[in-house]
């Protein structure tokens, strides 16, 4: 049976408190082994991917639409003003679910995969913006990329904003996190991957012209500085997205990391 909540400070709802406080949420979610899914579609996709529900916080009008996925989960019902007070922002999608995290697969399982034919993966080095990480997962899933590898300092794909921006794509594409950034590309090479370092440098090989091996790992760097000099140097080949000469003359010499990832994913799957 639903439990009705009228006080934003209700101790039963600590999983949902201060969702905009990034540092608090990082420590709280790691300590409790949880993440937050927002909205009916994302909650459904998380459940379909096998993540157990810890509890759900929802407005009354969403009880019926979510009834078939809630099962025996604990459900808290609150008014919009109370939900806003708990979360710290208006919950426009009407429902939040606290989900249990599953153990991340080992890196080797993502590198080997199970799909036949050529394999294409992305490797994200130190992207710190959760929205960017979520958007890249959405691009990768939509375009058929087989997996994503994160450097040790890369943002958490299960942080609420990443999950929300990805529209649940973080649940549909396998990913793993490196435990050693320094030797990360050596692990890729051992697994048979040719590593392509995406750079705005227009002297690099055009992504349209590069010869794609059976196994290809595309490296994407951080939002500000791009790829580290070490990974640029150790990659098998630097590649670029050709820019319009007119744009270059006007000072537009690069794309943001999400736009670049979308174009590059499309190029990888050609």
Protein backbone atom coordinates (compact mmCIF):
# COMPACT_ATOMS: atom_id res chain seq x y z
CA UNK A 1 0.00 0.00 0.00
CA UNK A 2 1.24 3.54 -0.71
CA UNK A 3 2.52 5.55 2.25
CA UNK A 4 1.48 9.20 2.19
CA UNK A 5 4.03 11.85 3.09
CA UNK A 6 3.24 15.43 4.10
CA UNK A 7 6.60 16.61 5.46
CA UNK A 8 9.68 17.20 3.29
CA UNK A 9 11.93 16.34 6.25
CA UNK A 10 10.38 12.88 6.71
CA UNK A 11 13.33 10.55 7.61
CA UNK A 12 11.95 7.80 5.36
CA UNK A 13 12.90 9.89 2.34
CA UNK A 14 16.62 10.41 2.87
CA UNK A 15 17.41 8.62 -0.41
CA UNK A 16 15.86 11.62 -2.22
CA UNK A 17 17.19 14.59 -0.30
CA UNK A 18 19.09 17.48 -1.93
CA UNK A 19 19.35 15.93 -5.36
CA UNK A 20 21.10 19.03 -6.72
CA UNK A 21 23.95 18.81 -4.21
CA UNK A 22 26.49 16.94 -6.34
CA UNK A 23 29.08 16.28 -3.64
CA UNK A 24 26.48 15.13 -1.10
CA UNK A 25 24.84 12.84 -3.66
CA UNK A 26 28.17 11.33 -4.72
CA UNK A 27 28.97 10.28 -1.16
CA UNK A 28 25.42 9.27 -0.22
CA UNK A 29 24.81 7.19 -3.34
CA UNK A 30 28.17 5.46 -3.09
CA UNK A 31 27.63 4.70 0.60
CA UNK A 32 24.14 3.28 0.06
CA UNK A 33 24.68 1.70 -3.34
CA UNK A 34 21.82 3.53 -5.01
CA UNK A 35 21.01 5.89 -7.85
CA UNK A 36 17.95 7.96 -8.72
CA UNK A 37 15.79 7.39 -11.81
CA UNK A 38 13.43 10.24 -12.75
CA UNK A 39 10.23 9.88 -14.75
CA UNK A 40 8.12 6.94 -15.89
CA UNK A 41 10.15 6.08 -19.02
CA UNK A 42 13.48 6.08 -17.23
CA UNK A 43 12.13 4.10 -14.28
CA UNK A 44 10.70 1.49 -16.66
CA UNK A 45 14.00 1.21 -18.52
CA UNK A 46 15.93 0.79 -15.29
CA UNK A 47 13.59 -1.98 -14.12
CA UNK A 48 13.75 -3.68 -17.53
CA UNK A 49 17.56 -3.62 -17.29
CA UNK A 50 17.37 -5.52 -14.00
CA UNK A 51 17.95 -2.78 -11.44
CA UNK A 52 15.89 -3.47 -8.27
CA UNK A 53 13.68 -0.68 -6.89
CA UNK A 54 14.47 0.42 -3.35
CA UNK A 55 11.52 2.81 -3.17
CA UNK A 56 9.49 5.25 -5.25
CA UNK A 57 8.51 8.83 -4.46
CA UNK A 58 5.65 9.98 -6.64
CA UNK A 59 2.68 12.26 -7.01
CA UNK A 60 -0.65 10.47 -6.69
CA UNK A 61 -1.51 10.83 -10.37
CA UNK A 62 1.43 8.57 -11.33
CA UNK A 63 0.43 5.61 -9.17
CA UNK A 64 -1.73 4.00 -11.84
CA UNK A 65 0.67 4.48 -14.81
CA UNK A 66 3.52 2.92 -12.79
CA UNK A 67 1.49 0.19 -11.10
CA UNK A 68 2.73 -2.63 -13.33
CA UNK A 69 6.43 -2.00 -12.56
CA UNK A 70 6.20 -1.21 -8.84
CA UNK A 71 5.56 -4.74 -7.59
CA UNK A 72 6.23 -4.93 -3.86
CA UNK A 73 8.37 -1.77 -3.79
CA UNK A 74 7.82 0.74 -1.04
CA UNK A 75 5.91 3.68 -2.52
CA UNK A 76 5.72 7.15 -0.99
CA UNK A 77 3.08 9.56 -2.27
CA UNK A 78 3.45 13.31 -1.80
CA UNK A 79 2.04 16.53 -3.18
CA UNK A 80 4.02 18.52 -5.72
CA UNK A 81 5.12 21.09 -3.14
CA UNK A 82 6.40 18.41 -0.77
CA UNK A 83 8.27 16.66 -3.60
CA UNK A 84 9.87 19.97 -4.57
CA UNK A 85 10.92 20.51 -0.95
CA UNK A 86 12.49 17.06 -0.77
CA UNK A 87 14.28 17.05 -4.12
CA UNK A 88 15.22 20.72 -4.26
CA UNK A 89 13.62 21.31 -7.67
CA UNK A 90 10.17 20.84 -9.28
CA UNK A 91 9.79 17.18 -10.26
CA UNK A 92 8.05 17.75 -13.58
CA UNK A 93 8.04 14.08 -14.55
CA UNK A 94 6.09 13.28 -11.38
CA UNK A 95 8.06 10.31 -10.07
CA UNK A 96 11.47 9.49 -8.61
CA UNK A 97 12.74 5.99 -7.91
CA UNK A 98 15.63 5.01 -5.69
CA UNK A 99 17.26 2.08 -7.48
CA UNK A 100 19.89 -0.37 -6.29
CA UNK A 101 23.16 -0.28 -8.19
CA UNK A 102 24.46 -3.47 -9.75
CA UNK A 103 28.17 -4.39 -9.75
CA UNK A 104 29.97 -2.95 -12.78
CA UNK A 105 31.19 -5.63 -15.17
CA UNK A 106 34.96 -6.11 -15.41
CA UNK A 107 36.69 -4.20 -18.17
CA UNK A 108 37.57 -7.37 -20.07
CA UNK A 109 33.92 -8.37 -20.41
CA UNK A 110 33.06 -5.05 -22.09
CA UNK A 111 36.09 -5.29 -24.37
CA UNK A 112 35.30 -8.84 -25.44
CA UNK A 113 31.53 -8.47 -25.73
CA UNK A 114 29.20 -11.05 -27.20
CA UNK A 115 28.06 -9.53 -30.50
CA UNK A 116 29.46 -11.00 -33.73
CA UNK A 117 31.35 -8.99 -36.32
CA UNK A 118 33.37 -5.77 -35.91
CA UNK A 119 33.30 -4.10 -32.52
CA UNK A 120 33.18 -0.37 -31.85
CA UNK A 121 33.61 1.18 -28.42
CA UNK A 122 34.05 4.66 -26.97
CA UNK A 123 36.62 5.50 -24.30
CA UNK A 124 35.89 8.62 -22.24
CA UNK A 125 38.84 10.31 -20.56
CA UNK A 126 37.97 12.53 -17.58
CA UNK A 127 34.63 13.95 -18.78
CA UNK A 128 33.31 15.59 -15.62
CA UNK A 129 29.93 16.95 -16.74
CA UNK A 130 27.20 14.41 -15.98
CA UNK A 131 24.93 15.84 -18.67
CA UNK A 132 27.62 15.37 -21.31
CA UNK A 133 28.24 11.80 -20.21
CA UNK A 134 24.52 11.02 -20.37
CA UNK A 135 24.19 12.60 -23.82
CA UNK A 136 27.16 10.61 -25.15
CA UNK A 137 25.64 7.38 -23.85
CA UNK A 138 22.43 8.27 -25.69
CA UNK A 139 24.32 8.91 -28.94
CA UNK A 140 26.31 5.69 -28.59
CA UNK A 141 23.25 3.56 -27.89
CA UNK A 142 21.25 5.13 -30.72
CA UNK A 143 24.01 4.57 -33.28
CA UNK A 144 24.90 1.02 -32.32
CA UNK A 145 28.19 1.42 -30.44
CA UNK A 146 28.91 -1.80 -28.54
CA UNK A 147 30.31 -0.49 -25.27
CA UNK A 148 31.83 2.42 -23.35
CA UNK A 149 34.94 2.48 -21.19
CA UNK A 150 35.39 5.21 -18.58
CA UNK A 151 38.67 6.52 -17.21
CA UNK A 152 38.92 6.40 -13.39
CA UNK A 153 37.98 10.10 -13.00
CA UNK A 154 35.14 10.18 -15.53
CA UNK A 155 31.71 11.27 -14.24
CA UNK A 156 29.26 8.64 -13.01
CA UNK A 157 26.77 7.54 -15.72
CA UNK A 158 24.24 6.66 -12.99
CA UNK A 159 24.21 10.12 -11.45
CA UNK A 160 20.64 11.48 -11.77
CA UNK A 161 21.39 14.09 -14.43
CA UNK A 162 23.34 11.64 -16.58
CA UNK A 163 20.51 9.11 -16.39
CA UNK A 164 17.91 11.79 -17.16
CA UNK A 165 19.78 13.28 -20.16
CA UNK A 166 20.44 9.81 -21.57
CA UNK A 167 16.72 8.94 -21.26
CA UNK A 168 17.80 5.62 -19.78
CA UNK A 169 20.36 4.79 -22.48
CA UNK A 170 22.90 4.27 -19.70
CA UNK A 171 21.01 1.05 -18.95
CA UNK A 172 21.15 -0.29 -22.50
CA UNK A 173 24.84 -0.09 -23.39
CA UNK A 174 27.53 -2.07 -21.51
CA UNK A 175 30.17 0.00 -19.77
CA UNK A 176 33.06 -0.46 -17.39
CA UNK A 177 35.55 1.74 -15.59
CA UNK A 178 39.33 1.47 -15.87
CA UNK A 179 41.16 0.98 -12.61
CA UNK A 180 44.43 2.25 -14.10
CA UNK A 181 44.44 5.29 -16.38
CA UNK A 182 48.19 5.21 -16.97
CA UNK A 183 48.16 1.82 -18.70
CA UNK A 184 44.61 2.06 -19.99
CA UNK A 185 45.43 2.06 -23.69
CA UNK A 186 47.73 -0.92 -23.28
CA UNK A 187 44.71 -2.91 -22.05
CA UNK A 188 42.81 -1.93 -25.19
CA UNK A 189 45.70 -2.97 -27.38
CA UNK A 190 45.99 -6.33 -25.62
CA UNK A 191 42.30 -6.90 -26.37
CA UNK A 192 42.92 -6.29 -30.07
CA UNK A 193 41.60 -2.74 -30.37
CA UNK A 194 43.00 -0.07 -32.66
CA UNK A 195 42.70 3.21 -30.74
CA UNK A 196 41.71 6.42 -32.56
CA UNK A 197 42.24 9.68 -30.67
CA UNK A 198 39.65 12.32 -31.62
CA UNK A 199 41.27 15.75 -31.83
CA UNK A 200 40.27 19.14 -33.30
CA UNK A 201 43.69 19.28 -35.02
CA UNK A 202 42.84 19.43 -38.72
CA UNK A 203 46.20 17.91 -39.71
CA UNK A 204 45.03 14.59 -38.24
CA UNK A 205 43.47 11.93 -40.46
CA UNK A 206 39.86 12.70 -41.34
CA UNK A 207 37.46 10.32 -39.60
CA UNK A 208 35.82 9.81 -43.00
CA UNK A 209 39.08 8.52 -44.48
CA UNK A 210 40.54 6.43 -41.66
CA UNK A 211 40.78 2.69 -42.25
CA UNK A 212 38.64 0.94 -39.66
CA UNK A 213 39.92 -2.30 -38.17
CA UNK A 214 37.69 -5.09 -36.83
CA UNK A 215 38.07 -3.66 -33.33
CA UNK A 216 38.15 0.10 -32.92
CA UNK A 217 38.18 2.22 -29.76
CA UNK A 218 37.48 5.93 -30.22
CA UNK A 219 39.00 8.12 -27.49
CA UNK A 220 37.15 11.28 -26.39
CA UNK A 221 38.75 13.80 -24.06
CA UNK A 222 37.52 16.14 -21.35
CA UNK A 223 35.27 19.11 -22.02
CA UNK A 224 37.95 21.78 -21.64
CA UNK A 225 41.36 20.33 -22.48
CA UNK A 226 40.47 17.39 -24.69
CA UNK A 227 42.57 14.26 -24.55
CA UNK A 228 45.68 14.21 -22.40
CA UNK A 229 49.02 14.40 -24.21
CA UNK A 230 49.79 10.86 -23.02
CA UNK A 231 46.70 9.33 -24.63
CA UNK A 232 47.15 11.42 -27.79
CA UNK A 233 50.70 10.13 -28.05
CA UNK A 234 49.90 6.50 -27.22
CA UNK A 235 46.84 6.17 -29.49
CA UNK A 236 47.38 4.30 -32.73
CA UNK A 237 46.18 7.25 -34.82
CA UNK A 238 44.83 10.79 -34.24
CA UNK A 239 41.63 11.51 -36.17
CA UNK A 240 39.54 14.64 -36.69
CA UNK A 241 36.12 15.72 -37.88
CA UNK A 242 36.74 17.97 -40.92
CA UNK A 243 35.66 21.53 -40.24
CA UNK A 244 34.40 24.02 -42.79
CA UNK A 245 37.19 26.38 -43.94
CA UNK A 246 34.80 29.31 -43.58
CA UNK A 247 34.04 28.29 -40.01
CA UNK A 248 37.75 27.99 -39.27
CA UNK A 249 38.35 31.49 -40.63
CA UNK A 250 35.57 32.77 -38.38
CA UNK A 251 37.24 31.19 -35.34
CA UNK A 252 34.94 28.16 -35.02
CA UNK A 253 37.61 25.48 -34.93
CA UNK A 254 35.96 22.72 -32.91
CA UNK A 255 32.70 21.15 -31.72
CA UNK A 256 31.55 20.53 -28.19
CA UNK A 257 32.22 17.00 -26.98
CA UNK A 258 28.61 15.79 -27.35
CA UNK A 259 28.26 17.01 -30.95
CA UNK A 260 31.66 15.56 -31.78
CA UNK A 261 30.71 12.23 -30.18
CA UNK A 262 27.49 12.01 -32.21
CA UNK A 263 29.26 12.64 -35.51
CA UNK A 264 32.12 10.33 -34.58
CA UNK A 265 29.78 7.49 -33.55
CA UNK A 266 28.05 7.76 -36.90
CA UNK A 267 31.43 7.62 -38.61
CA UNK A 268 32.52 4.60 -36.58
CA UNK A 269 29.50 2.57 -37.65
CA UNK A 270 29.87 3.19 -41.39
